[in-house]
Amino acid sequence: MNLLALCVSQSLLLLVSDDFVQLIVDASCEFPDVVSDNQRSSVNASAVSVNGGSDELLTSANIIDDLSSLSYMDVSIRCNANEICKPVKALCDSGSEMSRAKSELLNNFDCHVVGKVQLKPFTGDSISADVVRVNTANGCNCDFDAGIYMHCAMVADLNDEMILAENAIARLLQNGFEQ
C-alpha cells in the first residue's frame, strides 16, 4: 500500500493511500511557502468515498483544490506607547467575530484585561478568555500613531500567534492606505 502525507497548512495534514483519504486537523508539520503546480499534480492517488449511497471516485488533488488557502498578514503589536513593538505573522480569518492572540505572546506586555468572552469553536465546549486592548499596526511599522486599537481575546493553546477577525483586517488595511 502506498501512503502519501501532504501538509496542507501548518496544522492540517492530508494522508492519501490506495484505500483512503484522511484529513488530520491540529497536526504539526512543516509546510513550504509555495506548492508548485508540479508538486500539486503529482498528488494523484485516488480513494473511494461513499457519498449518499453512491461511490464517488476522489483524487487527493480534487480535495486539495476544494480547500481554501490560508492568508497571513505581518503586523506589529504592543499594549502601550512605551513598549517595544513585537512583529507577528497573524492568520487572517474572515469568519471570526473577534481577534485572538496566544496568551504567551502577550506575557511581556503590560496589557490590562478589560473583560471576558466565551469563544465558541466549531466543535467542543466554549472557551473562556480574557479580553485585552492591543495596539496593532500593519507590517513592521512601530510608530504608535500608525496602529489601531482593537480588542483581542487571549487564548492559551492557540495554534497561531495571532488570528485577526475580518473587521480588524479591514481596519488595518484602511489605516495603511490613509498613512
N, C-alpha and C. Protein backbone atom coordinates (compact mmCIF):
# COMPACT_ATOMS: atom_id res chain seq x y z
N MET A 1 0.85 -1.18 0.00
CA MET A 1 0.00 0.00 0.00
C MET A 1 0.89 1.24 0.00
N ASN A 2 0.61 2.17 -0.93
CA ASN A 2 1.33 3.44 -0.98
C ASN A 2 0.64 4.44 -0.07
N LEU A 3 1.43 5.22 0.67
CA LEU A 3 0.90 6.24 1.56
C LEU A 3 1.61 7.54 1.28
N LEU A 4 0.84 8.60 1.07
CA LEU A 4 1.38 9.92 0.82
C LEU A 4 0.88 10.85 1.92
N ALA A 5 1.79 11.55 2.57
CA ALA A 5 1.43 12.53 3.60
C ALA A 5 1.74 13.91 3.02
N LEU A 6 0.75 14.77 2.99
CA LEU A 6 0.90 16.09 2.40
C LEU A 6 0.45 17.14 3.40
N CYS A 7 1.36 18.05 3.78
CA CYS A 7 1.00 19.15 4.67
C CYS A 7 0.22 20.18 3.87
N VAL A 8 -1.03 20.40 4.25
CA VAL A 8 -1.86 21.37 3.57
C VAL A 8 -1.67 22.74 4.19
N SER A 9 -1.42 22.79 5.48
CA SER A 9 -1.10 24.03 6.19
C SER A 9 -0.23 23.65 7.37
N GLN A 10 0.06 24.63 8.24
CA GLN A 10 0.91 24.34 9.40
C GLN A 10 0.26 23.37 10.36
N SER A 11 -1.08 23.26 10.31
CA SER A 11 -1.76 22.39 11.26
C SER A 11 -2.75 21.44 10.60
N LEU A 12 -2.63 21.26 9.28
CA LEU A 12 -3.56 20.40 8.55
C LEU A 12 -2.76 19.44 7.69
N LEU A 13 -2.95 18.15 7.92
CA LEU A 13 -2.21 17.11 7.21
C LEU A 13 -3.19 16.25 6.44
N LEU A 14 -2.86 15.96 5.18
CA LEU A 14 -3.69 15.12 4.34
C LEU A 14 -2.94 13.82 4.09
N LEU A 15 -3.54 12.69 4.52
CA LEU A 15 -2.96 11.37 4.28
C LEU A 15 -3.73 10.72 3.14
N VAL A 16 -3.01 10.23 2.15
CA VAL A 16 -3.65 9.62 0.99
C VAL A 16 -3.00 8.26 0.76
N SER A 17 -3.82 7.23 0.59
CA SER A 17 -3.32 5.91 0.25
C SER A 17 -4.18 5.36 -0.88
N ASP A 18 -3.91 4.13 -1.28
CA ASP A 18 -4.72 3.49 -2.31
C ASP A 18 -6.14 3.24 -1.81
N ASP A 19 -6.33 3.19 -0.49
CA ASP A 19 -7.62 2.82 0.08
C ASP A 19 -8.39 3.96 0.73
N PHE A 20 -7.75 5.07 1.08
CA PHE A 20 -8.45 6.10 1.82
C PHE A 20 -7.78 7.46 1.65
N VAL A 21 -8.55 8.50 2.02
CA VAL A 21 -8.05 9.86 2.14
C VAL A 21 -8.47 10.32 3.53
N GLN A 22 -7.51 10.79 4.33
CA GLN A 22 -7.82 11.22 5.68
C GLN A 22 -7.23 12.60 5.90
N LEU A 23 -8.04 13.51 6.45
CA LEU A 23 -7.61 14.86 6.78
C LEU A 23 -7.42 14.93 8.28
N ILE A 24 -6.21 15.30 8.74
CA ILE A 24 -5.90 15.36 10.16
C ILE A 24 -5.74 16.83 10.55
N VAL A 25 -6.60 17.29 11.46
CA VAL A 25 -6.57 18.66 11.94
C VAL A 25 -5.68 18.73 13.17
N ASP A 26 -5.02 19.85 13.38
CA ASP A 26 -4.11 20.07 14.50
C ASP A 26 -2.87 19.19 14.42
N ALA A 27 -2.44 18.89 13.21
CA ALA A 27 -1.19 18.16 13.02
C ALA A 27 -0.05 19.18 13.04
N SER A 28 1.11 18.79 13.47
CA SER A 28 2.27 19.66 13.41
C SER A 28 3.12 19.21 12.24
N CYS A 29 3.26 20.07 11.26
CA CYS A 29 4.08 19.68 10.11
C CYS A 29 4.68 20.92 9.47
N GLU A 30 5.74 20.70 8.75
CA GLU A 30 6.40 21.77 8.02
C GLU A 30 5.70 21.91 6.68
N PHE A 31 5.48 23.13 6.24
CA PHE A 31 4.76 23.39 5.00
C PHE A 31 5.54 24.40 4.19
N PRO A 32 5.84 24.08 2.93
CA PRO A 32 6.58 25.05 2.12
C PRO A 32 5.70 26.27 1.83
N ASP A 33 6.35 27.43 1.65
CA ASP A 33 5.60 28.65 1.39
C ASP A 33 4.78 28.55 0.11
N VAL A 34 5.33 27.89 -0.89
CA VAL A 34 4.64 27.78 -2.17
C VAL A 34 4.66 26.33 -2.62
N VAL A 35 3.52 25.81 -3.03
CA VAL A 35 3.44 24.48 -3.61
C VAL A 35 3.31 24.67 -5.10
N SER A 36 4.28 24.17 -5.86
CA SER A 36 4.26 24.35 -7.30
C SER A 36 3.20 23.47 -7.95
N ASP A 37 2.83 23.81 -9.18
CA ASP A 37 1.85 23.00 -9.91
C ASP A 37 2.35 21.59 -10.10
N ASN A 38 3.67 21.42 -10.27
CA ASN A 38 4.23 20.07 -10.43
C ASN A 38 4.01 19.24 -9.18
N GLN A 39 4.23 19.85 -8.00
CA GLN A 39 4.02 19.14 -6.75
C GLN A 39 2.54 18.80 -6.58
N ARG A 40 1.68 19.75 -6.92
CA ARG A 40 0.24 19.53 -6.75
C ARG A 40 -0.24 18.44 -7.70
N SER A 41 0.21 18.46 -8.95
CA SER A 41 -0.27 17.46 -9.91
C SER A 41 0.33 16.08 -9.64
N SER A 42 1.42 16.02 -8.88
CA SER A 42 1.99 14.71 -8.57
C SER A 42 1.16 13.97 -7.53
N VAL A 43 0.22 14.67 -6.91
CA VAL A 43 -0.67 14.04 -5.94
C VAL A 43 -1.82 13.43 -6.73
N ASN A 44 -1.68 12.16 -7.11
CA ASN A 44 -2.68 11.56 -7.97
C ASN A 44 -3.23 10.25 -7.44
N ALA A 45 -2.98 9.97 -6.19
CA ALA A 45 -3.56 8.76 -5.60
C ALA A 45 -5.06 8.97 -5.49
N SER A 46 -5.82 7.89 -5.58
CA SER A 46 -7.27 8.04 -5.52
C SER A 46 -7.85 7.25 -4.37
N ALA A 47 -9.07 7.59 -4.02
CA ALA A 47 -9.76 6.88 -2.95
C ALA A 47 -11.24 6.86 -3.29
N VAL A 48 -11.94 5.90 -2.74
CA VAL A 48 -13.37 5.82 -2.95
C VAL A 48 -14.07 6.29 -1.69
N SER A 49 -15.00 7.21 -1.85
CA SER A 49 -15.75 7.74 -0.73
C SER A 49 -17.22 7.44 -0.97
N VAL A 50 -17.91 7.03 0.07
CA VAL A 50 -19.34 6.79 -0.07
C VAL A 50 -20.05 8.10 0.18
N ASN A 51 -20.81 8.55 -0.82
CA ASN A 51 -21.48 9.84 -0.74
C ASN A 51 -22.94 9.64 -1.10
N GLY A 52 -23.81 9.65 -0.11
CA GLY A 52 -25.23 9.49 -0.35
C GLY A 52 -25.58 8.15 -0.96
N GLY A 53 -24.84 7.11 -0.62
CA GLY A 53 -25.14 5.78 -1.11
C GLY A 53 -24.47 5.44 -2.43
N SER A 54 -23.87 6.43 -3.10
CA SER A 54 -23.20 6.12 -4.36
C SER A 54 -21.70 6.31 -4.20
N ASP A 55 -20.93 5.46 -4.87
CA ASP A 55 -19.48 5.59 -4.80
C ASP A 55 -19.03 6.73 -5.70
N GLU A 56 -18.13 7.54 -5.19
CA GLU A 56 -17.61 8.67 -5.95
C GLU A 56 -16.09 8.57 -5.91
N LEU A 57 -15.46 8.58 -7.06
CA LEU A 57 -14.01 8.50 -7.12
C LEU A 57 -13.43 9.88 -6.85
N LEU A 58 -12.61 9.97 -5.82
CA LEU A 58 -11.98 11.23 -5.45
C LEU A 58 -10.48 11.12 -5.64
N THR A 59 -9.85 12.19 -6.03
CA THR A 59 -8.39 12.23 -6.02
C THR A 59 -7.98 13.23 -4.97
N SER A 60 -6.81 13.04 -4.43
CA SER A 60 -6.35 13.97 -3.40
C SER A 60 -6.17 15.37 -3.99
N ALA A 61 -5.87 15.46 -5.28
CA ALA A 61 -5.74 16.77 -5.91
C ALA A 61 -7.09 17.49 -5.88
N ASN A 62 -8.20 16.75 -6.09
CA ASN A 62 -9.54 17.36 -6.03
C ASN A 62 -9.81 17.88 -4.62
N ILE A 63 -9.43 17.12 -3.62
CA ILE A 63 -9.66 17.53 -2.24
C ILE A 63 -8.85 18.79 -1.92
N ILE A 64 -7.60 18.82 -2.33
CA ILE A 64 -6.75 19.99 -2.09
C ILE A 64 -7.31 21.21 -2.79
N ASP A 65 -7.84 21.05 -4.01
CA ASP A 65 -8.42 22.17 -4.74
C ASP A 65 -9.63 22.75 -4.01
N ASP A 66 -10.34 21.92 -3.23
CA ASP A 66 -11.52 22.38 -2.51
C ASP A 66 -11.18 23.09 -1.20
N LEU A 67 -9.94 22.99 -0.74
CA LEU A 67 -9.53 23.66 0.50
C LEU A 67 -9.21 25.12 0.21
N SER A 68 -9.61 25.99 1.10
CA SER A 68 -9.24 27.39 0.97
C SER A 68 -7.82 27.57 1.47
N SER A 69 -7.07 28.43 0.80
CA SER A 69 -5.72 28.69 1.26
C SER A 69 -5.76 29.64 2.45
N LEU A 70 -4.79 29.49 3.32
CA LEU A 70 -4.70 30.36 4.50
C LEU A 70 -3.96 31.63 4.13
N SER A 71 -4.42 32.75 4.66
CA SER A 71 -3.77 34.04 4.41
C SER A 71 -3.22 34.57 5.72
N TYR A 72 -2.01 35.10 5.65
CA TYR A 72 -1.35 35.68 6.81
C TYR A 72 -1.01 37.13 6.53
N MET A 73 -0.92 37.91 7.59
CA MET A 73 -0.60 39.33 7.49
C MET A 73 0.48 39.64 8.52
N ASP A 74 1.51 40.36 8.10
CA ASP A 74 2.54 40.80 9.03
C ASP A 74 2.04 42.03 9.77
N VAL A 75 2.04 41.95 11.10
CA VAL A 75 1.61 43.07 11.94
C VAL A 75 2.63 43.26 13.06
N SER A 76 2.52 44.39 13.71
CA SER A 76 3.32 44.68 14.90
C SER A 76 2.34 44.99 16.02
N ILE A 77 2.60 44.46 17.22
CA ILE A 77 1.68 44.68 18.33
C ILE A 77 2.40 45.20 19.57
N ARG A 78 1.65 45.87 20.40
CA ARG A 78 2.06 46.29 21.75
C ARG A 78 0.82 46.81 22.45
N CYS A 79 0.92 46.97 23.74
CA CYS A 79 -0.24 47.43 24.51
C CYS A 79 -0.14 48.90 24.89
N ASN A 80 1.08 49.41 25.06
CA ASN A 80 1.28 50.80 25.49
C ASN A 80 2.35 51.47 24.62
N ALA A 81 2.30 52.79 24.58
CA ALA A 81 3.23 53.56 23.74
C ALA A 81 4.68 53.38 24.16
N ASN A 82 4.95 53.09 25.43
CA ASN A 82 6.33 52.98 25.89
C ASN A 82 6.91 51.57 25.70
N GLU A 83 6.15 50.66 25.14
CA GLU A 83 6.63 49.30 24.92
C GLU A 83 7.21 49.15 23.51
N ILE A 84 8.16 48.23 23.40
CA ILE A 84 8.74 47.91 22.10
C ILE A 84 7.75 47.01 21.37
N CYS A 85 7.49 47.34 20.09
CA CYS A 85 6.51 46.54 19.35
C CYS A 85 7.11 45.19 18.96
N LYS A 86 6.24 44.20 18.86
CA LYS A 86 6.66 42.85 18.51
C LYS A 86 6.07 42.49 17.16
N PRO A 87 6.92 42.08 16.20
CA PRO A 87 6.39 41.64 14.90
C PRO A 87 5.73 40.26 15.03
N VAL A 88 4.58 40.10 14.36
CA VAL A 88 3.80 38.88 14.44
C VAL A 88 3.26 38.55 13.05
N LYS A 89 3.26 37.29 12.70
CA LYS A 89 2.59 36.82 11.49
C LYS A 89 1.21 36.34 11.93
N ALA A 90 0.17 37.09 11.57
CA ALA A 90 -1.19 36.82 12.03
C ALA A 90 -2.02 36.15 10.94
N LEU A 91 -2.77 35.14 11.31
CA LEU A 91 -3.69 34.46 10.41
C LEU A 91 -4.89 35.36 10.18
N CYS A 92 -5.28 35.56 8.93
CA CYS A 92 -6.47 36.34 8.60
C CYS A 92 -7.65 35.38 8.52
N ASP A 93 -8.66 35.61 9.37
CA ASP A 93 -9.81 34.71 9.45
C ASP A 93 -11.08 35.49 9.17
N SER A 94 -11.59 35.37 7.96
CA SER A 94 -12.76 36.13 7.56
C SER A 94 -14.04 35.68 8.27
N GLY A 95 -13.99 34.54 8.95
CA GLY A 95 -15.17 34.05 9.64
C GLY A 95 -15.19 34.34 11.14
N SER A 96 -14.18 34.99 11.65
CA SER A 96 -14.10 35.27 13.08
C SER A 96 -14.84 36.54 13.45
N GLU A 97 -15.44 36.51 14.63
CA GLU A 97 -16.10 37.71 15.15
C GLU A 97 -15.15 38.55 15.98
N MET A 98 -14.10 37.92 16.53
CA MET A 98 -13.17 38.64 17.39
C MET A 98 -11.74 38.14 17.13
N SER A 99 -10.81 39.05 17.18
CA SER A 99 -9.40 38.67 17.03
C SER A 99 -8.94 37.94 18.27
N ARG A 100 -7.97 37.05 18.11
CA ARG A 100 -7.41 36.29 19.22
C ARG A 100 -5.89 36.33 19.16
N ALA A 101 -5.27 36.24 20.33
CA ALA A 101 -3.81 36.18 20.42
C ALA A 101 -3.43 35.09 21.40
N LYS A 102 -2.33 34.42 21.10
CA LYS A 102 -1.81 33.41 22.02
C LYS A 102 -1.39 34.12 23.30
N SER A 103 -1.81 33.61 24.44
CA SER A 103 -1.52 34.25 25.73
C SER A 103 -0.04 34.51 25.92
N GLU A 104 0.79 33.54 25.55
CA GLU A 104 2.25 33.66 25.73
C GLU A 104 2.82 34.84 24.95
N LEU A 105 2.18 35.20 23.84
CA LEU A 105 2.64 36.30 23.01
C LEU A 105 2.57 37.63 23.77
N LEU A 106 1.59 37.73 24.66
CA LEU A 106 1.37 38.99 25.38
C LEU A 106 1.98 39.00 26.77
N ASN A 107 2.70 37.95 27.15
CA ASN A 107 3.27 37.87 28.50
C ASN A 107 4.18 39.02 28.86
N ASN A 108 4.97 39.51 27.91
CA ASN A 108 5.95 40.57 28.21
C ASN A 108 5.38 41.97 28.04
N PHE A 109 4.09 42.06 27.78
CA PHE A 109 3.45 43.36 27.62
C PHE A 109 2.62 43.70 28.85
N ASP A 110 2.39 45.00 29.02
CA ASP A 110 1.56 45.47 30.13
C ASP A 110 0.12 45.63 29.63
N CYS A 111 -0.50 44.49 29.34
CA CYS A 111 -1.89 44.50 28.84
C CYS A 111 -2.84 44.43 30.02
N HIS A 112 -3.86 45.25 29.97
CA HIS A 112 -4.86 45.25 31.03
C HIS A 112 -6.11 44.54 30.54
N VAL A 113 -6.58 43.61 31.34
CA VAL A 113 -7.79 42.87 30.99
C VAL A 113 -8.98 43.82 31.11
N VAL A 114 -9.78 43.90 30.03
CA VAL A 114 -10.93 44.80 30.02
C VAL A 114 -12.25 44.04 30.05
N GLY A 115 -12.18 42.72 30.03
CA GLY A 115 -13.40 41.92 30.07
C GLY A 115 -13.12 40.45 29.82
N LYS A 116 -14.19 39.69 29.72
CA LYS A 116 -14.10 38.25 29.43
C LYS A 116 -15.07 37.95 28.30
N VAL A 117 -14.77 36.89 27.56
CA VAL A 117 -15.63 36.47 26.46
C VAL A 117 -15.68 34.94 26.42
N GLN A 118 -16.79 34.39 25.97
CA GLN A 118 -16.92 32.95 25.75
C GLN A 118 -16.74 32.71 24.26
N LEU A 119 -15.67 32.02 23.88
CA LEU A 119 -15.42 31.70 22.48
C LEU A 119 -16.04 30.34 22.18
N LYS A 120 -16.77 30.27 21.10
CA LYS A 120 -17.44 29.03 20.72
C LYS A 120 -16.77 28.47 19.48
N PRO A 121 -15.93 27.44 19.65
CA PRO A 121 -15.28 26.83 18.49
C PRO A 121 -16.30 26.06 17.66
N PHE A 122 -15.90 25.64 16.45
CA PHE A 122 -16.86 24.94 15.60
C PHE A 122 -17.22 23.56 16.16
N THR A 123 -16.47 23.07 17.13
CA THR A 123 -16.82 21.83 17.81
C THR A 123 -16.29 21.89 19.24
N GLY A 124 -16.92 21.20 20.13
CA GLY A 124 -16.44 21.15 21.51
C GLY A 124 -17.05 22.24 22.38
N ASP A 125 -16.54 22.30 23.59
CA ASP A 125 -17.04 23.24 24.59
C ASP A 125 -16.53 24.66 24.35
N SER A 126 -17.27 25.62 24.87
CA SER A 126 -16.86 27.02 24.81
C SER A 126 -15.59 27.23 25.63
N ILE A 127 -14.83 28.24 25.26
CA ILE A 127 -13.59 28.57 25.95
C ILE A 127 -13.73 29.97 26.53
N SER A 128 -13.47 30.11 27.81
CA SER A 128 -13.50 31.41 28.45
C SER A 128 -12.14 32.08 28.24
N ALA A 129 -12.15 33.35 27.81
CA ALA A 129 -10.90 34.04 27.54
C ALA A 129 -10.97 35.48 28.03
N ASP A 130 -9.84 35.97 28.54
CA ASP A 130 -9.72 37.38 28.90
C ASP A 130 -9.63 38.21 27.62
N VAL A 131 -10.19 39.41 27.67
CA VAL A 131 -10.11 40.33 26.54
C VAL A 131 -9.20 41.48 26.93
N VAL A 132 -8.25 41.80 26.05
CA VAL A 132 -7.33 42.91 26.27
C VAL A 132 -7.41 43.86 25.08
N ARG A 133 -6.93 45.06 25.29
CA ARG A 133 -6.88 46.06 24.22
C ARG A 133 -5.43 46.17 23.77
N VAL A 134 -5.19 45.94 22.49
CA VAL A 134 -3.83 46.00 21.95
C VAL A 134 -3.76 46.99 20.80
N ASN A 135 -2.59 47.58 20.64
CA ASN A 135 -2.32 48.44 19.51
C ASN A 135 -1.66 47.57 18.45
N THR A 136 -2.25 47.54 17.26
CA THR A 136 -1.77 46.69 16.18
C THR A 136 -1.53 47.55 14.95
N ALA A 137 -0.37 47.37 14.33
CA ALA A 137 -0.03 48.14 13.13
C ALA A 137 0.22 47.18 11.97
N ASN A 138 -0.13 47.61 10.78
CA ASN A 138 0.09 46.83 9.57
C ASN A 138 1.59 46.79 9.27
N GLY A 139 2.13 45.60 9.06
CA GLY A 139 3.55 45.46 8.74
C GLY A 139 4.41 45.65 9.97
N CYS A 140 5.61 46.13 9.75
CA CYS A 140 6.56 46.32 10.86
C CYS A 140 6.63 47.77 11.28
N ASN A 141 5.55 48.49 11.13
CA ASN A 141 5.50 49.90 11.48
C ASN A 141 5.38 50.03 13.00
N CYS A 142 6.42 50.54 13.63
CA CYS A 142 6.42 50.67 15.10
C CYS A 142 6.00 52.05 15.56
N ASP A 143 5.56 52.91 14.64
CA ASP A 143 5.05 54.22 15.02
C ASP A 143 3.70 54.02 15.69
N PHE A 144 3.58 54.42 16.95
CA PHE A 144 2.37 54.14 17.74
C PHE A 144 1.13 54.74 17.08
N ASP A 145 1.29 55.89 16.41
CA ASP A 145 0.15 56.53 15.75
C ASP A 145 -0.29 55.77 14.50
N ALA A 146 0.55 54.89 13.99
CA ALA A 146 0.23 54.16 12.76
C ALA A 146 -0.72 52.99 13.01
N GLY A 147 -0.83 52.57 14.24
CA GLY A 147 -1.63 51.39 14.55
C GLY A 147 -3.07 51.70 14.89
N ILE A 148 -3.83 50.64 15.09
CA ILE A 148 -5.22 50.76 15.53
C ILE A 148 -5.34 50.05 16.87
N TYR A 149 -6.28 50.49 17.66
CA TYR A 149 -6.58 49.76 18.89
C TYR A 149 -7.68 48.77 18.59
N MET A 150 -7.54 47.56 19.11
CA MET A 150 -8.58 46.56 18.94
C MET A 150 -8.63 45.68 20.18
N HIS A 151 -9.79 45.11 20.39
CA HIS A 151 -9.95 44.16 21.48
C HIS A 151 -9.59 42.78 20.97
N CYS A 152 -8.92 42.04 21.82
CA CYS A 152 -8.36 40.75 21.42
C CYS A 152 -8.53 39.76 22.56
N ALA A 153 -9.04 38.57 22.25
CA ALA A 153 -9.18 37.52 23.26
C ALA A 153 -7.84 36.81 23.41
N MET A 154 -7.42 36.58 24.66
CA MET A 154 -6.16 35.87 24.93
C MET A 154 -6.48 34.38 25.12
N VAL A 155 -5.87 33.54 24.26
CA VAL A 155 -6.14 32.11 24.27
C VAL A 155 -4.83 31.35 24.49
N ALA A 156 -4.82 30.47 25.48
CA ALA A 156 -3.59 29.77 25.87
C ALA A 156 -3.08 28.82 24.78
N ASP A 157 -3.93 28.02 24.19
CA ASP A 157 -3.48 26.98 23.27
C ASP A 157 -3.78 27.29 21.82
N LEU A 158 -3.68 28.54 21.44
CA LEU A 158 -3.94 28.94 20.06
C LEU A 158 -2.86 28.38 19.15
N ASN A 159 -3.24 27.84 18.00
CA ASN A 159 -2.26 27.26 17.07
C ASN A 159 -1.37 28.31 16.43
N ASP A 160 -1.93 29.48 16.11
CA ASP A 160 -1.14 30.57 15.54
C ASP A 160 -0.87 31.59 16.64
N GLU A 161 0.12 32.48 16.42
CA GLU A 161 0.41 33.50 17.42
C GLU A 161 -0.76 34.48 17.55
N MET A 162 -1.38 34.78 16.42
CA MET A 162 -2.48 35.72 16.42
C MET A 162 -3.42 35.40 15.28
N ILE A 163 -4.72 35.59 15.51
CA ILE A 163 -5.73 35.41 14.47
C ILE A 163 -6.53 36.70 14.40
N LEU A 164 -6.55 37.31 13.22
CA LEU A 164 -7.25 38.58 13.04
C LEU A 164 -8.65 38.35 12.49
N ALA A 165 -9.65 38.96 13.13
CA ALA A 165 -11.02 38.92 12.62
C ALA A 165 -11.13 39.84 11.41
N GLU A 166 -12.18 39.63 10.62
CA GLU A 166 -12.35 40.38 9.38
C GLU A 166 -12.41 41.89 9.60
N ASN A 167 -13.09 42.34 10.67
CA ASN A 167 -13.18 43.79 10.92
C ASN A 167 -11.80 44.37 11.25
N ALA A 168 -10.96 43.62 11.96
CA ALA A 168 -9.60 44.10 12.27
C ALA A 168 -8.75 44.17 11.01
N ILE A 169 -8.88 43.18 10.14
CA ILE A 169 -8.14 43.19 8.88
C ILE A 169 -8.52 44.41 8.05
N ALA A 170 -9.82 44.67 7.93
CA ALA A 170 -10.30 45.82 7.15
C ALA A 170 -9.77 47.13 7.74
N ARG A 171 -9.82 47.26 9.05
CA ARG A 171 -9.34 48.48 9.70
C ARG A 171 -7.83 48.66 9.49
N LEU A 172 -7.07 47.58 9.59
CA LEU A 172 -5.61 47.65 9.38
C LEU A 172 -5.29 48.04 7.94
N LEU A 173 -6.00 47.45 6.99
CA LEU A 173 -5.75 47.78 5.59
C LEU A 173 -6.16 49.22 5.30
N GLN A 174 -7.29 49.66 5.82
CA GLN A 174 -7.75 51.04 5.63
C GLN A 174 -6.76 52.02 6.25
N ASN A 175 -6.28 51.71 7.45
CA ASN A 175 -5.32 52.55 8.14
C ASN A 175 -4.03 52.65 7.32
N GLY A 176 -3.62 51.55 6.70
CA GLY A 176 -2.40 51.54 5.88
C GLY A 176 -2.52 52.44 4.66
N PHE A 177 -3.74 52.50 4.06
CA PHE A 177 -3.95 53.35 2.89
C PHE A 177 -4.00 54.82 3.27
N GLU A 178 -4.43 55.13 4.49
CA GLU A 178 -4.54 56.53 4.92
C GLU A 178 -3.20 57.11 5.31
N GLN A 179 -2.21 56.27 5.59
CA GLN A 179 -0.91 56.75 6.04
C GLN A 179 -0.14 57.43 4.93
